[in-house]
Amino acid sequence: MEATLIKSSGGVFEVDIDGARVYSKTATGQFPQAGEVIGRVRTLRASG
């Protein structure tokens, strides 16, 4: 798995894996807790 940083502005923080949105600060209104994104990535990888 590779990660690519895409610069933006306005506090955007979104994580997509293979076209699936794993986390969105825009949707939640907050940055993820420690380990939250990794947990979601592991769940996604295990289901697919």
Protein backbone atom coordinates (compact mmCIF):
# COMPACT_ATOMS: atom_id res chain seq x y z
CA MET A 1 0.00 0.00 0.00
CA GLU A 2 1.27 3.46 -0.85
CA ALA A 3 0.31 6.82 0.57
CA THR A 4 0.27 10.04 -1.41
CA LEU A 5 -0.06 13.48 0.13
CA ILE A 6 -2.20 15.84 -1.90
CA LYS A 7 -1.80 19.41 -0.74
CA SER A 8 -4.93 21.44 -0.16
CA SER A 9 -6.12 24.27 2.01
CA GLY A 10 -8.84 24.99 4.51
CA GLY A 11 -8.04 22.19 6.94
CA VAL A 12 -9.07 19.37 4.61
CA PHE A 13 -7.99 15.91 5.80
CA GLU A 14 -9.37 12.99 3.83
CA VAL A 15 -8.09 9.46 3.38
CA ASP A 16 -9.14 7.37 0.37
CA ILE A 17 -8.11 3.78 -0.37
CA ASP A 18 -8.82 2.40 -3.84
CA GLY A 19 -11.56 4.98 -4.32
CA ALA A 20 -13.22 4.31 -0.95
CA ARG A 21 -13.33 7.15 1.57
CA VAL A 22 -11.81 5.86 4.80
CA TYR A 23 -11.88 9.12 6.76
CA SER A 24 -13.08 12.67 6.16
CA LYS A 25 -12.46 15.57 8.52
CA THR A 26 -14.99 17.51 6.46
CA ALA A 27 -17.68 14.92 7.28
CA THR A 28 -16.77 14.44 10.96
CA GLY A 29 -15.70 17.99 11.80
CA GLN A 30 -12.58 16.77 13.60
CA PHE A 31 -9.22 15.16 13.05
CA PRO A 32 -9.14 11.40 13.69
CA GLN A 33 -8.12 9.99 17.05
CA ALA A 34 -4.79 8.16 17.32
CA GLY A 35 -5.06 4.85 15.45
CA GLU A 36 -8.50 5.59 13.99
CA VAL A 37 -7.42 5.82 10.35
CA ILE A 38 -5.21 2.73 10.63
CA GLY A 39 -8.12 0.80 12.15
CA ARG A 40 -10.41 1.80 9.31
CA VAL A 41 -7.78 0.90 6.70
CA ARG A 42 -7.32 -2.54 8.30
CA THR A 43 -11.08 -3.10 8.33
CA LEU A 44 -11.35 -2.12 4.67
CA ARG A 45 -8.41 -4.35 3.66
CA ALA A 46 -9.83 -7.32 5.60
CA SER A 47 -13.23 -7.01 3.88
CA GLY A 48 -11.87 -6.76 0.37
